Amino acid sequence: DILNLLQLDEDHVALYLLDVTGHGLPSAMLSVAVSRLLSPVRSATALLYERNPATGQDTVASPGKVSTRLAMRFQWDAETAQFFTFVYGVLDRRTREFVYSCAGHPAPVCVSKSGVRTLEQTIDLPIGIMQGDYSERRVQLEHGSRLYLYSDGIIDTMNSRNELFGMRRMTDVLMRQYARPLDEGLDALMDALRVWREGAPVKDDISIVAL
């Protein structure tokens, strides 16, 4: 897994999380290569911006376009058989509109004073499997909303009875922590996962980024 939160311009913040299939050095190298492409560098070939050829000015690229560009860069290779799930979202800080794209990855979770909800999932396949245009969704956030992007290593964590931690337990923890500082809420989730594992080792990457 690899994640980041990026300041794209004065008004837009992006966050993403990706999960490469497999384990070990090849998967780690792919995740680092992708993260370098997702840096907020403005150039004619940048993934996160659109350049107007007439004026040379850059605007923020839509999440669907970013996923589509990644899929063009990382096409299916039968020899390596590598692919990755990916969720990428952009928040407009002025309007609180959040636009996101899910490439085979769990949809973001939103927690607000109105409660907790999982945002609508897009049906696109992971990067490296699908070619073509990736879709995106838009949602208007309430003031004080919290967004969580997470890897399936959280909800798939098992206890000694082979029971999954699951979505309900994760969202319950996040909702209970809504009044506390963001980092304390994340710590509480990690503590809940440790208790659930009952001392067993972590079997998959566990990642979460919050905004």
N, C-alpha and C. Protein backbone atom coordinates (compact mmCIF):
# COMPACT_ATOMS: atom_id res chain seq x y z
N ASP A 1 0.84 -1.20 0.00
CA ASP A 1 0.00 0.00 0.00
C ASP A 1 0.88 1.24 0.00
N ILE A 2 0.35 2.29 -0.60
CA ILE A 2 1.01 3.59 -0.48
C ILE A 2 -0.07 4.66 -0.55
N LEU A 3 0.14 5.77 0.15
CA LEU A 3 -0.89 6.82 0.22
C LEU A 3 -0.22 8.18 0.31
N ASN A 4 -1.03 9.21 0.04
CA ASN A 4 -0.51 10.56 0.17
C ASN A 4 -1.66 11.56 0.18
N LEU A 5 -1.36 12.76 0.62
CA LEU A 5 -2.27 13.89 0.58
C LEU A 5 -1.51 15.05 -0.03
N LEU A 6 -2.09 15.67 -1.09
CA LEU A 6 -1.35 16.62 -1.90
C LEU A 6 -2.10 17.95 -2.02
N GLN A 7 -1.36 19.05 -1.91
CA GLN A 7 -1.92 20.37 -2.18
C GLN A 7 -1.72 20.65 -3.66
N LEU A 8 -2.81 20.64 -4.45
CA LEU A 8 -2.69 20.82 -5.90
C LEU A 8 -2.60 22.29 -6.29
N ASP A 9 -3.39 23.13 -5.64
CA ASP A 9 -3.32 24.58 -5.81
C ASP A 9 -3.95 25.21 -4.57
N GLU A 10 -4.24 26.50 -4.64
CA GLU A 10 -4.74 27.19 -3.45
C GLU A 10 -6.06 26.62 -2.95
N ASP A 11 -6.87 26.10 -3.85
CA ASP A 11 -8.22 25.68 -3.49
C ASP A 11 -8.45 24.17 -3.46
N HIS A 12 -7.54 23.39 -4.04
CA HIS A 12 -7.80 21.96 -4.22
C HIS A 12 -6.75 21.10 -3.50
N VAL A 13 -7.28 20.12 -2.76
CA VAL A 13 -6.45 19.13 -2.07
C VAL A 13 -6.81 17.75 -2.61
N ALA A 14 -5.81 16.96 -2.91
CA ALA A 14 -6.03 15.60 -3.40
C ALA A 14 -5.53 14.60 -2.37
N LEU A 15 -6.15 13.44 -2.33
CA LEU A 15 -5.67 12.35 -1.49
C LEU A 15 -5.91 11.04 -2.24
N TYR A 16 -5.01 10.09 -2.03
CA TYR A 16 -5.14 8.81 -2.71
C TYR A 16 -4.59 7.69 -1.86
N LEU A 17 -5.01 6.49 -2.21
CA LEU A 17 -4.47 5.28 -1.60
C LEU A 17 -4.51 4.20 -2.67
N LEU A 18 -3.42 3.46 -2.80
CA LEU A 18 -3.38 2.37 -3.76
C LEU A 18 -2.83 1.12 -3.09
N ASP A 19 -3.23 -0.02 -3.63
CA ASP A 19 -2.89 -1.32 -3.06
C ASP A 19 -2.44 -2.23 -4.20
N VAL A 20 -1.14 -2.51 -4.25
CA VAL A 20 -0.57 -3.35 -5.30
C VAL A 20 -0.76 -4.82 -4.95
N THR A 21 -1.16 -5.62 -5.93
CA THR A 21 -1.32 -7.05 -5.69
C THR A 21 0.03 -7.70 -5.37
N GLY A 22 -0.01 -8.72 -4.53
CA GLY A 22 1.22 -9.44 -4.19
C GLY A 22 1.97 -8.79 -3.05
N HIS A 23 3.15 -9.33 -2.78
CA HIS A 23 3.98 -8.86 -1.68
C HIS A 23 5.44 -8.84 -2.14
N GLY A 24 6.28 -8.26 -1.31
CA GLY A 24 7.71 -8.29 -1.60
C GLY A 24 8.18 -7.14 -2.45
N LEU A 25 9.42 -7.25 -2.94
CA LEU A 25 10.09 -6.17 -3.64
C LEU A 25 9.39 -5.73 -4.93
N PRO A 26 8.94 -6.65 -5.80
CA PRO A 26 8.29 -6.18 -7.04
C PRO A 26 7.07 -5.30 -6.77
N SER A 27 6.24 -5.68 -5.80
CA SER A 27 5.07 -4.88 -5.47
C SER A 27 5.47 -3.53 -4.89
N ALA A 28 6.48 -3.54 -4.03
CA ALA A 28 6.95 -2.29 -3.43
C ALA A 28 7.50 -1.34 -4.49
N MET A 29 8.23 -1.89 -5.45
CA MET A 29 8.81 -1.05 -6.51
C MET A 29 7.70 -0.43 -7.37
N LEU A 30 6.65 -1.20 -7.65
CA LEU A 30 5.55 -0.66 -8.44
C LEU A 30 4.83 0.45 -7.68
N SER A 31 4.59 0.26 -6.40
CA SER A 31 3.89 1.28 -5.62
C SER A 31 4.68 2.58 -5.57
N VAL A 32 6.00 2.49 -5.46
CA VAL A 32 6.83 3.69 -5.44
C VAL A 32 6.83 4.37 -6.80
N ALA A 33 6.88 3.57 -7.88
CA ALA A 33 6.86 4.14 -9.23
C ALA A 33 5.56 4.91 -9.47
N VAL A 34 4.44 4.35 -9.02
CA VAL A 34 3.16 5.03 -9.19
C VAL A 34 3.11 6.31 -8.37
N SER A 35 3.60 6.25 -7.15
CA SER A 35 3.56 7.43 -6.28
C SER A 35 4.38 8.58 -6.86
N ARG A 36 5.45 8.27 -7.55
CA ARG A 36 6.26 9.33 -8.17
C ARG A 36 5.49 10.00 -9.30
N LEU A 37 4.71 9.22 -10.04
CA LEU A 37 3.89 9.79 -11.11
C LEU A 37 2.78 10.68 -10.55
N LEU A 38 2.37 10.40 -9.32
CA LEU A 38 1.28 11.15 -8.71
C LEU A 38 1.77 12.35 -7.90
N SER A 39 2.95 12.82 -8.17
CA SER A 39 3.45 14.02 -7.49
C SER A 39 2.87 15.26 -8.16
N PRO A 40 2.63 16.33 -7.40
CA PRO A 40 2.00 17.55 -7.95
C PRO A 40 2.98 18.43 -8.70
N VAL A 41 3.62 17.85 -9.71
CA VAL A 41 4.57 18.60 -10.55
C VAL A 41 3.84 19.05 -11.80
N ARG A 42 3.95 20.31 -12.12
CA ARG A 42 3.27 20.86 -13.30
C ARG A 42 4.18 20.75 -14.52
N SER A 43 3.73 19.99 -15.50
CA SER A 43 4.46 19.83 -16.75
C SER A 43 3.48 19.40 -17.83
N ALA A 44 3.96 19.34 -19.05
CA ALA A 44 3.09 18.95 -20.17
C ALA A 44 2.62 17.51 -20.05
N THR A 45 3.36 16.68 -19.30
CA THR A 45 3.01 15.26 -19.16
C THR A 45 2.49 14.92 -17.76
N ALA A 46 2.21 15.92 -16.94
CA ALA A 46 1.77 15.68 -15.56
C ALA A 46 0.42 14.96 -15.56
N LEU A 47 0.25 14.02 -14.62
CA LEU A 47 -1.00 13.27 -14.52
C LEU A 47 -2.08 14.05 -13.78
N LEU A 48 -1.69 14.91 -12.86
CA LEU A 48 -2.66 15.54 -11.97
C LEU A 48 -3.17 16.89 -12.46
N TYR A 49 -2.68 17.34 -13.62
CA TYR A 49 -3.08 18.64 -14.15
C TYR A 49 -3.46 18.52 -15.63
N GLU A 50 -4.27 19.47 -16.07
CA GLU A 50 -4.59 19.63 -17.48
C GLU A 50 -3.93 20.92 -17.97
N ARG A 51 -3.18 20.84 -19.07
CA ARG A 51 -2.53 22.03 -19.59
C ARG A 51 -3.25 22.53 -20.82
N ASN A 52 -3.59 23.81 -20.80
CA ASN A 52 -4.21 24.45 -21.97
C ASN A 52 -3.10 24.74 -22.98
N PRO A 53 -3.12 24.08 -24.15
CA PRO A 53 -2.03 24.28 -25.11
C PRO A 53 -1.94 25.71 -25.64
N ALA A 54 -3.05 26.43 -25.63
CA ALA A 54 -3.03 27.79 -26.15
C ALA A 54 -2.40 28.77 -25.17
N THR A 55 -2.73 28.60 -23.88
CA THR A 55 -2.24 29.55 -22.86
C THR A 55 -1.08 29.01 -22.05
N GLY A 56 -0.90 27.68 -22.03
CA GLY A 56 0.14 27.08 -21.22
C GLY A 56 -0.20 27.00 -19.75
N GLN A 57 -1.45 27.36 -19.38
CA GLN A 57 -1.87 27.35 -17.98
C GLN A 57 -2.38 25.96 -17.59
N ASP A 58 -2.20 25.64 -16.31
CA ASP A 58 -2.60 24.33 -15.80
C ASP A 58 -3.84 24.46 -14.92
N THR A 59 -4.73 23.48 -15.04
CA THR A 59 -5.86 23.34 -14.14
C THR A 59 -5.83 21.93 -13.56
N VAL A 60 -6.56 21.73 -12.48
CA VAL A 60 -6.57 20.43 -11.81
C VAL A 60 -7.32 19.41 -12.66
N ALA A 61 -6.69 18.26 -12.91
CA ALA A 61 -7.32 17.19 -13.68
C ALA A 61 -8.36 16.47 -12.83
N SER A 62 -9.42 16.01 -13.46
CA SER A 62 -10.46 15.30 -12.74
C SER A 62 -9.96 13.93 -12.31
N PRO A 63 -10.47 13.39 -11.20
CA PRO A 63 -10.03 12.06 -10.73
C PRO A 63 -10.23 10.96 -11.78
N GLY A 64 -11.34 11.00 -12.52
CA GLY A 64 -11.53 10.00 -13.56
C GLY A 64 -10.44 10.06 -14.60
N LYS A 65 -10.02 11.26 -14.98
CA LYS A 65 -8.95 11.43 -15.96
C LYS A 65 -7.62 10.92 -15.39
N VAL A 66 -7.35 11.16 -14.12
CA VAL A 66 -6.12 10.68 -13.51
C VAL A 66 -6.06 9.15 -13.55
N SER A 67 -7.17 8.49 -13.19
CA SER A 67 -7.20 7.03 -13.23
C SER A 67 -7.03 6.52 -14.65
N THR A 68 -7.66 7.18 -15.61
CA THR A 68 -7.54 6.78 -17.02
C THR A 68 -6.10 6.89 -17.49
N ARG A 69 -5.43 7.97 -17.11
CA ARG A 69 -4.02 8.15 -17.50
C ARG A 69 -3.12 7.10 -16.87
N LEU A 70 -3.39 6.76 -15.62
CA LEU A 70 -2.61 5.70 -14.99
C LEU A 70 -2.79 4.38 -15.72
N ALA A 71 -4.03 4.08 -16.10
CA ALA A 71 -4.30 2.82 -16.80
C ALA A 71 -3.57 2.77 -18.14
N MET A 72 -3.39 3.91 -18.78
CA MET A 72 -2.65 3.96 -20.03
C MET A 72 -1.17 3.70 -19.80
N ARG A 73 -0.66 4.15 -18.66
CA ARG A 73 0.76 3.95 -18.34
C ARG A 73 1.05 2.52 -17.89
N PHE A 74 0.10 1.92 -17.19
CA PHE A 74 0.31 0.59 -16.61
C PHE A 74 -0.70 -0.39 -17.21
N GLN A 75 -0.39 -0.88 -18.39
CA GLN A 75 -1.26 -1.82 -19.06
C GLN A 75 -0.89 -3.26 -18.66
N TRP A 76 -1.83 -4.17 -18.87
CA TRP A 76 -1.66 -5.55 -18.43
C TRP A 76 -0.42 -6.18 -19.06
N ASP A 77 0.39 -6.80 -18.22
CA ASP A 77 1.59 -7.53 -18.65
C ASP A 77 1.47 -8.95 -18.12
N ALA A 78 1.28 -9.91 -19.01
CA ALA A 78 1.09 -11.30 -18.59
C ALA A 78 2.30 -11.87 -17.87
N GLU A 79 3.47 -11.32 -18.15
CA GLU A 79 4.70 -11.83 -17.53
C GLU A 79 4.77 -11.46 -16.05
N THR A 80 4.44 -10.23 -15.72
CA THR A 80 4.50 -9.80 -14.32
C THR A 80 3.17 -10.00 -13.60
N ALA A 81 2.06 -9.93 -14.36
CA ALA A 81 0.71 -10.11 -13.80
C ALA A 81 0.45 -9.17 -12.62
N GLN A 82 0.98 -7.97 -12.70
CA GLN A 82 0.80 -7.00 -11.62
C GLN A 82 -0.34 -6.03 -11.94
N PHE A 83 -1.07 -5.68 -10.92
CA PHE A 83 -2.09 -4.64 -11.03
C PHE A 83 -2.28 -4.03 -9.65
N PHE A 84 -3.04 -2.94 -9.58
CA PHE A 84 -3.27 -2.32 -8.27
C PHE A 84 -4.63 -1.66 -8.23
N THR A 85 -5.25 -1.73 -7.07
CA THR A 85 -6.48 -0.97 -6.84
C THR A 85 -6.08 0.45 -6.45
N PHE A 86 -6.99 1.39 -6.69
CA PHE A 86 -6.62 2.80 -6.57
C PHE A 86 -7.87 3.62 -6.28
N VAL A 87 -7.79 4.49 -5.30
CA VAL A 87 -8.85 5.47 -5.06
C VAL A 87 -8.19 6.84 -4.96
N TYR A 88 -8.74 7.79 -5.73
CA TYR A 88 -8.16 9.13 -5.82
C TYR A 88 -9.29 10.14 -5.77
N GLY A 89 -9.14 11.13 -4.90
CA GLY A 89 -10.18 12.14 -4.76
C GLY A 89 -9.60 13.54 -4.67
N VAL A 90 -10.39 14.52 -5.09
CA VAL A 90 -10.00 15.93 -5.03
C VAL A 90 -11.08 16.69 -4.29
N LEU A 91 -10.70 17.43 -3.28
CA LEU A 91 -11.61 18.27 -2.50
C LEU A 91 -11.42 19.73 -2.88
N ASP A 92 -12.51 20.40 -3.25
CA ASP A 92 -12.51 21.85 -3.45
C ASP A 92 -12.77 22.48 -2.08
N ARG A 93 -11.80 23.14 -1.53
CA ARG A 93 -11.90 23.68 -0.18
C ARG A 93 -12.90 24.83 -0.09
N ARG A 94 -13.18 25.50 -1.21
CA ARG A 94 -14.14 26.61 -1.18
C ARG A 94 -15.58 26.10 -1.11
N THR A 95 -15.88 25.14 -1.96
CA THR A 95 -17.26 24.66 -2.10
C THR A 95 -17.55 23.39 -1.30
N ARG A 96 -16.50 22.71 -0.81
CA ARG A 96 -16.59 21.42 -0.12
C ARG A 96 -17.15 20.32 -1.03
N GLU A 97 -16.97 20.48 -2.34
CA GLU A 97 -17.32 19.41 -3.26
C GLU A 97 -16.15 18.43 -3.35
N PHE A 98 -16.45 17.15 -3.21
CA PHE A 98 -15.43 16.10 -3.28
C PHE A 98 -15.72 15.24 -4.50
N VAL A 99 -14.74 15.11 -5.39
CA VAL A 99 -14.85 14.30 -6.60
C VAL A 99 -13.83 13.17 -6.48
N TYR A 100 -14.27 11.94 -6.77
CA TYR A 100 -13.37 10.80 -6.55
C TYR A 100 -13.59 9.72 -7.60
N SER A 101 -12.58 8.88 -7.75
CA SER A 101 -12.62 7.75 -8.67
C SER A 101 -12.07 6.52 -7.95
N CYS A 102 -12.74 5.39 -8.10
CA CYS A 102 -12.32 4.13 -7.48
C CYS A 102 -12.01 3.12 -8.58
N ALA A 103 -10.78 2.66 -8.64
CA ALA A 103 -10.38 1.64 -9.60
C ALA A 103 -10.24 0.32 -8.85
N GLY A 104 -11.36 -0.36 -8.66
CA GLY A 104 -11.34 -1.63 -7.95
C GLY A 104 -11.07 -1.52 -6.48
N HIS A 105 -11.12 -0.32 -5.94
CA HIS A 105 -10.77 -0.07 -4.54
C HIS A 105 -12.04 0.28 -3.76
N PRO A 106 -12.07 -0.06 -2.45
CA PRO A 106 -13.23 0.35 -1.62
C PRO A 106 -13.46 1.85 -1.69
N ALA A 107 -14.73 2.23 -1.73
CA ALA A 107 -15.09 3.65 -1.79
C ALA A 107 -14.77 4.35 -0.47
N PRO A 108 -14.52 5.66 -0.50
CA PRO A 108 -14.25 6.40 0.73
C PRO A 108 -15.43 6.34 1.70
N VAL A 109 -15.11 6.56 2.96
CA VAL A 109 -16.11 6.67 4.02
C VAL A 109 -16.15 8.12 4.48
N CYS A 110 -17.36 8.64 4.67
CA CYS A 110 -17.54 10.02 5.13
C CYS A 110 -18.24 9.99 6.49
N VAL A 111 -17.67 10.71 7.45
CA VAL A 111 -18.27 10.85 8.77
C VAL A 111 -18.56 12.33 9.01
N SER A 112 -19.78 12.63 9.42
CA SER A 112 -20.18 14.01 9.68
C SER A 112 -21.16 14.03 10.84
N LYS A 113 -21.65 15.21 11.18
CA LYS A 113 -22.62 15.32 12.28
C LYS A 113 -23.93 14.61 11.93
N SER A 114 -24.15 14.33 10.64
CA SER A 114 -25.35 13.59 10.22
C SER A 114 -25.19 12.08 10.34
N GLY A 115 -23.96 11.63 10.59
CA GLY A 115 -23.73 10.19 10.71
C GLY A 115 -22.59 9.73 9.83
N VAL A 116 -22.54 8.43 9.58
CA VAL A 116 -21.47 7.84 8.78
C VAL A 116 -22.08 7.19 7.55
N ARG A 117 -21.40 7.33 6.44
CA ARG A 117 -21.87 6.69 5.21
C ARG A 117 -20.68 6.32 4.33
N THR A 118 -20.85 5.23 3.59
CA THR A 118 -19.89 4.85 2.57
C THR A 118 -20.32 5.50 1.27
N LEU A 119 -19.42 6.20 0.62
CA LEU A 119 -19.76 6.88 -0.62
C LEU A 119 -20.01 5.86 -1.73
N GLU A 120 -20.67 6.31 -2.77
CA GLU A 120 -21.05 5.41 -3.87
C GLU A 120 -19.80 4.85 -4.54
N GLN A 121 -19.83 3.56 -4.78
CA GLN A 121 -18.71 2.86 -5.41
C GLN A 121 -18.80 2.97 -6.93
N THR A 122 -17.69 3.26 -7.59
CA THR A 122 -17.66 3.15 -9.04
C THR A 122 -17.30 1.71 -9.40
N ILE A 123 -17.70 1.26 -10.57
CA ILE A 123 -17.59 -0.17 -10.91
C ILE A 123 -16.35 -0.48 -11.72
N ASP A 124 -15.44 0.46 -11.85
CA ASP A 124 -14.26 0.25 -12.67
C ASP A 124 -13.30 -0.76 -12.04
N LEU A 125 -12.54 -1.43 -12.90
CA LEU A 125 -11.60 -2.47 -12.48
C LEU A 125 -10.26 -1.85 -12.07
N PRO A 126 -9.41 -2.64 -11.37
CA PRO A 126 -8.10 -2.13 -10.96
C PRO A 126 -7.25 -1.65 -12.14
N ILE A 127 -6.29 -0.79 -11.84
CA ILE A 127 -5.33 -0.31 -12.83
C ILE A 127 -4.43 -1.49 -13.23
N GLY A 128 -4.25 -1.67 -14.53
CA GLY A 128 -3.46 -2.79 -15.03
C GLY A 128 -4.32 -3.88 -15.61
N ILE A 129 -5.63 -3.82 -15.36
CA ILE A 129 -6.57 -4.80 -15.90
C ILE A 129 -7.48 -4.15 -16.93
N MET A 130 -7.97 -2.97 -16.61
CA MET A 130 -8.96 -2.29 -17.45
C MET A 130 -8.30 -1.23 -18.33
N GLN A 131 -8.77 -1.13 -19.56
CA GLN A 131 -8.40 -0.04 -20.45
C GLN A 131 -9.66 0.76 -20.77
N GLY A 132 -9.50 2.04 -21.02
CA GLY A 132 -10.65 2.88 -21.31
C GLY A 132 -10.82 3.95 -20.26
N ASP A 133 -11.93 4.67 -20.34
CA ASP A 133 -12.17 5.81 -19.45
C ASP A 133 -12.71 5.34 -18.11
N TYR A 134 -12.13 5.87 -17.04
CA TYR A 134 -12.59 5.58 -15.69
C TYR A 134 -13.63 6.63 -15.28
N SER A 135 -14.59 6.19 -14.50
CA SER A 135 -15.67 7.08 -14.08
C SER A 135 -15.32 7.77 -12.77
N GLU A 136 -16.17 8.70 -12.37
CA GLU A 136 -15.97 9.42 -11.12
C GLU A 136 -17.32 9.79 -10.53
N ARG A 137 -17.32 10.12 -9.25
CA ARG A 137 -18.52 10.52 -8.54
C ARG A 137 -18.27 11.86 -7.85
N ARG A 138 -19.36 12.59 -7.62
CA ARG A 138 -19.29 13.88 -6.93
C ARG A 138 -20.19 13.85 -5.71
N VAL A 139 -19.73 14.46 -4.62
CA VAL A 139 -20.54 14.53 -3.41
C VAL A 139 -20.30 15.87 -2.74
N GLN A 140 -21.37 16.45 -2.22
CA GLN A 140 -21.27 17.72 -1.49
C GLN A 140 -21.14 17.41 -0.01
N LEU A 141 -20.08 17.87 0.61
CA LEU A 141 -19.80 17.55 2.01
C LEU A 141 -20.34 18.62 2.95
N GLU A 142 -20.82 18.17 4.09
CA GLU A 142 -21.21 19.10 5.15
C GLU A 142 -19.97 19.73 5.77
N HIS A 143 -20.17 20.89 6.39
CA HIS A 143 -19.09 21.49 7.17
C HIS A 143 -18.69 20.52 8.29
N GLY A 144 -17.40 20.33 8.47
CA GLY A 144 -16.92 19.45 9.52
C GLY A 144 -16.85 17.98 9.14
N SER A 145 -17.11 17.67 7.88
CA SER A 145 -17.05 16.26 7.45
C SER A 145 -15.62 15.74 7.51
N ARG A 146 -15.52 14.43 7.69
CA ARG A 146 -14.24 13.74 7.66
C ARG A 146 -14.29 12.64 6.60
N LEU A 147 -13.25 12.59 5.77
CA LEU A 147 -13.16 11.58 4.73
C LEU A 147 -12.07 10.58 5.08
N TYR A 148 -12.34 9.30 4.84
CA TYR A 148 -11.37 8.24 5.11
C TYR A 148 -11.21 7.37 3.87
N LEU A 149 -9.97 7.23 3.42
CA LEU A 149 -9.61 6.27 2.39
C LEU A 149 -8.83 5.17 3.08
N TYR A 150 -9.17 3.92 2.81
CA TYR A 150 -8.58 2.82 3.57
C TYR A 150 -8.31 1.63 2.66
N SER A 151 -7.42 0.76 3.10
CA SER A 151 -7.15 -0.48 2.37
C SER A 151 -7.97 -1.61 2.97
N ASP A 152 -8.20 -2.66 2.18
CA ASP A 152 -9.04 -3.77 2.66
C ASP A 152 -8.36 -4.58 3.75
N GLY A 153 -7.08 -4.31 4.02
CA GLY A 153 -6.41 -4.97 5.13
C GLY A 153 -7.06 -4.65 6.46
N ILE A 154 -7.76 -3.51 6.55
CA ILE A 154 -8.45 -3.15 7.79
C ILE A 154 -9.68 -4.01 7.99
N ILE A 155 -10.58 -4.00 7.02
CA ILE A 155 -11.84 -4.72 7.20
C ILE A 155 -11.66 -6.23 7.11
N ASP A 156 -10.55 -6.69 6.51
CA ASP A 156 -10.30 -8.13 6.38
C ASP A 156 -9.48 -8.69 7.53
N THR A 157 -9.12 -7.86 8.51
CA THR A 157 -8.39 -8.35 9.68
C THR A 157 -9.24 -9.37 10.43
N MET A 158 -8.64 -10.51 10.75
CA MET A 158 -9.38 -11.60 11.41
C MET A 158 -8.95 -11.78 12.87
N ASN A 159 -9.87 -12.30 13.67
CA ASN A 159 -9.54 -12.70 15.03
C ASN A 159 -9.26 -14.20 15.06
N SER A 160 -9.10 -14.75 16.26
CA SER A 160 -8.75 -16.17 16.39
C SER A 160 -9.86 -17.11 15.93
N ARG A 161 -11.08 -16.58 15.78
CA ARG A 161 -12.21 -17.40 15.32
C ARG A 161 -12.48 -17.21 13.83
N ASN A 162 -11.48 -16.60 13.14
CA ASN A 162 -11.58 -16.35 11.70
C ASN A 162 -12.77 -15.45 11.34
N GLU A 163 -13.10 -14.53 12.25
CA GLU A 163 -14.14 -13.54 11.99
C GLU A 163 -13.49 -12.25 11.49
N LEU A 164 -14.08 -11.65 10.47
CA LEU A 164 -13.56 -10.41 9.91
C LEU A 164 -13.90 -9.22 10.80
N PHE A 165 -12.99 -8.25 10.86
CA PHE A 165 -13.28 -7.00 11.57
C PHE A 165 -14.45 -6.29 10.91
N GLY A 166 -14.44 -6.21 9.59
CA GLY A 166 -15.59 -5.76 8.83
C GLY A 166 -15.82 -4.26 8.80
N MET A 167 -16.69 -3.86 7.88
CA MET A 167 -17.01 -2.44 7.69
C MET A 167 -17.73 -1.86 8.90
N ARG A 168 -18.67 -2.60 9.46
CA ARG A 168 -19.49 -2.05 10.54
C ARG A 168 -18.63 -1.68 11.74
N ARG A 169 -17.71 -2.52 12.11
CA ARG A 169 -16.85 -2.21 13.26
C ARG A 169 -15.96 -1.00 12.94
N MET A 170 -15.43 -0.93 11.72
CA MET A 170 -14.58 0.20 11.36
C MET A 170 -15.37 1.51 11.43
N THR A 171 -16.54 1.55 10.81
CA THR A 171 -17.33 2.79 10.80
C THR A 171 -17.84 3.15 12.19
N ASP A 172 -18.13 2.14 13.03
CA ASP A 172 -18.55 2.42 14.40
C ASP A 172 -17.44 3.14 15.17
N VAL A 173 -16.21 2.66 15.02
CA VAL A 173 -15.08 3.30 15.70
C VAL A 173 -14.92 4.73 15.21
N LEU A 174 -14.95 4.93 13.89
CA LEU A 174 -14.75 6.27 13.33
C LEU A 174 -15.85 7.23 13.77
N MET A 175 -17.09 6.73 13.86
CA MET A 175 -18.19 7.59 14.29
C MET A 175 -18.04 7.98 15.76
N ARG A 176 -17.65 7.02 16.59
CA ARG A 176 -17.48 7.32 18.02
C ARG A 176 -16.37 8.33 18.26
N GLN A 177 -15.40 8.38 17.34
CA GLN A 177 -14.26 9.29 17.50
C GLN A 177 -14.47 10.64 16.82
N TYR A 178 -15.67 10.89 16.31
CA TYR A 178 -15.89 12.09 15.50
C TYR A 178 -15.60 13.38 16.27
N ALA A 179 -15.88 13.41 17.55
CA ALA A 179 -15.69 14.64 18.33
C ALA A 179 -14.23 14.84 18.76
N ARG A 180 -13.41 13.82 18.56
CA ARG A 180 -12.01 13.91 18.98
C ARG A 180 -11.14 14.36 17.81
N PRO A 181 -9.91 14.80 18.09
CA PRO A 181 -9.00 15.18 17.00
C PRO A 181 -8.80 14.03 16.02
N LEU A 182 -8.53 14.37 14.78
CA LEU A 182 -8.46 13.38 13.71
C LEU A 182 -7.43 12.29 13.99
N ASP A 183 -6.24 12.69 14.45
CA ASP A 183 -5.19 11.69 14.68
C ASP A 183 -5.55 10.75 15.83
N GLU A 184 -6.27 11.24 16.82
CA GLU A 184 -6.69 10.37 17.93
C GLU A 184 -7.70 9.33 17.44
N GLY A 185 -8.56 9.73 16.51
CA GLY A 185 -9.51 8.79 15.95
C GLY A 185 -8.82 7.67 15.19
N LEU A 186 -7.77 8.01 14.44
CA LEU A 186 -7.02 6.99 13.72
C LEU A 186 -6.29 6.06 14.69
N ASP A 187 -5.73 6.63 15.75
CA ASP A 187 -5.08 5.80 16.76
C ASP A 187 -6.08 4.83 17.39
N ALA A 188 -7.29 5.30 17.65
CA ALA A 188 -8.31 4.45 18.25
C ALA A 188 -8.67 3.29 17.32
N LEU A 189 -8.70 3.54 16.01
CA LEU A 189 -8.98 2.46 15.05
C LEU A 189 -7.86 1.44 15.06
N MET A 190 -6.62 1.90 15.08
CA MET A 190 -5.49 0.96 15.11
C MET A 190 -5.50 0.14 16.41
N ASP A 191 -5.87 0.77 17.52
CA ASP A 191 -5.97 0.05 18.79
C ASP A 191 -7.06 -1.02 18.71
N ALA A 192 -8.20 -0.68 18.09
CA ALA A 192 -9.30 -1.64 17.96
C ALA A 192 -8.88 -2.83 17.11
N LEU A 193 -8.08 -2.59 16.09
CA LEU A 193 -7.59 -3.68 15.25
C LEU A 193 -6.63 -4.59 16.01
N ARG A 194 -5.78 -3.99 16.83
CA ARG A 194 -4.85 -4.79 17.63
C ARG A 194 -5.61 -5.69 18.60
N VAL A 195 -6.62 -5.14 19.24
CA VAL A 195 -7.44 -5.93 20.16
C VAL A 195 -8.13 -7.06 19.41
N TRP A 196 -8.65 -6.76 18.23
CA TRP A 196 -9.37 -7.75 17.43
C TRP A 196 -8.46 -8.91 17.01
N ARG A 197 -7.20 -8.61 16.69
CA ARG A 197 -6.26 -9.67 16.26
C ARG A 197 -5.87 -10.57 17.42
N GLU A 198 -6.06 -10.12 18.63
CA GLU A 198 -5.74 -10.91 19.82
C GLU A 198 -4.29 -11.39 19.81
N GLY A 199 -3.39 -10.48 19.44
CA GLY A 199 -1.98 -10.81 19.46
C GLY A 199 -1.45 -11.47 18.20
N ALA A 200 -2.31 -11.81 17.28
CA ALA A 200 -1.87 -12.44 16.04
C ALA A 200 -1.16 -11.42 15.16
N PRO A 201 -0.22 -11.87 14.31
CA PRO A 201 0.49 -10.93 13.43
C PRO A 201 -0.43 -10.37 12.35
N VAL A 202 -0.05 -9.23 11.81
CA VAL A 202 -0.77 -8.63 10.70
C VAL A 202 -0.52 -9.45 9.44
N LYS A 203 -1.57 -9.83 8.73
CA LYS A 203 -1.43 -10.68 7.54
C LYS A 203 -1.47 -9.89 6.24
N ASP A 204 -1.92 -8.66 6.28
CA ASP A 204 -1.99 -7.84 5.08
C ASP A 204 -1.70 -6.39 5.46
N ASP A 205 -1.30 -5.60 4.46
CA ASP A 205 -1.05 -4.19 4.74
C ASP A 205 -2.30 -3.50 5.28
N ILE A 206 -2.11 -2.64 6.24
CA ILE A 206 -3.20 -1.87 6.84
C ILE A 206 -2.88 -0.39 6.67
N SER A 207 -3.72 0.29 5.88
CA SER A 207 -3.45 1.69 5.58
C SER A 207 -4.74 2.50 5.62
N ILE A 208 -4.63 3.73 6.07
CA ILE A 208 -5.78 4.63 6.09
C ILE A 208 -5.26 6.07 6.04
N VAL A 209 -5.93 6.91 5.27
CA VAL A 209 -5.60 8.34 5.24
C VAL A 209 -6.89 9.10 5.46
N ALA A 210 -6.82 10.13 6.27
CA ALA A 210 -8.02 10.88 6.66
C ALA A 210 -7.84 12.37 6.36
N LEU A 211 -8.96 13.00 6.04
CA LEU A 211 -8.95 14.43 5.73
C LEU A 211 -10.18 15.07 6.36
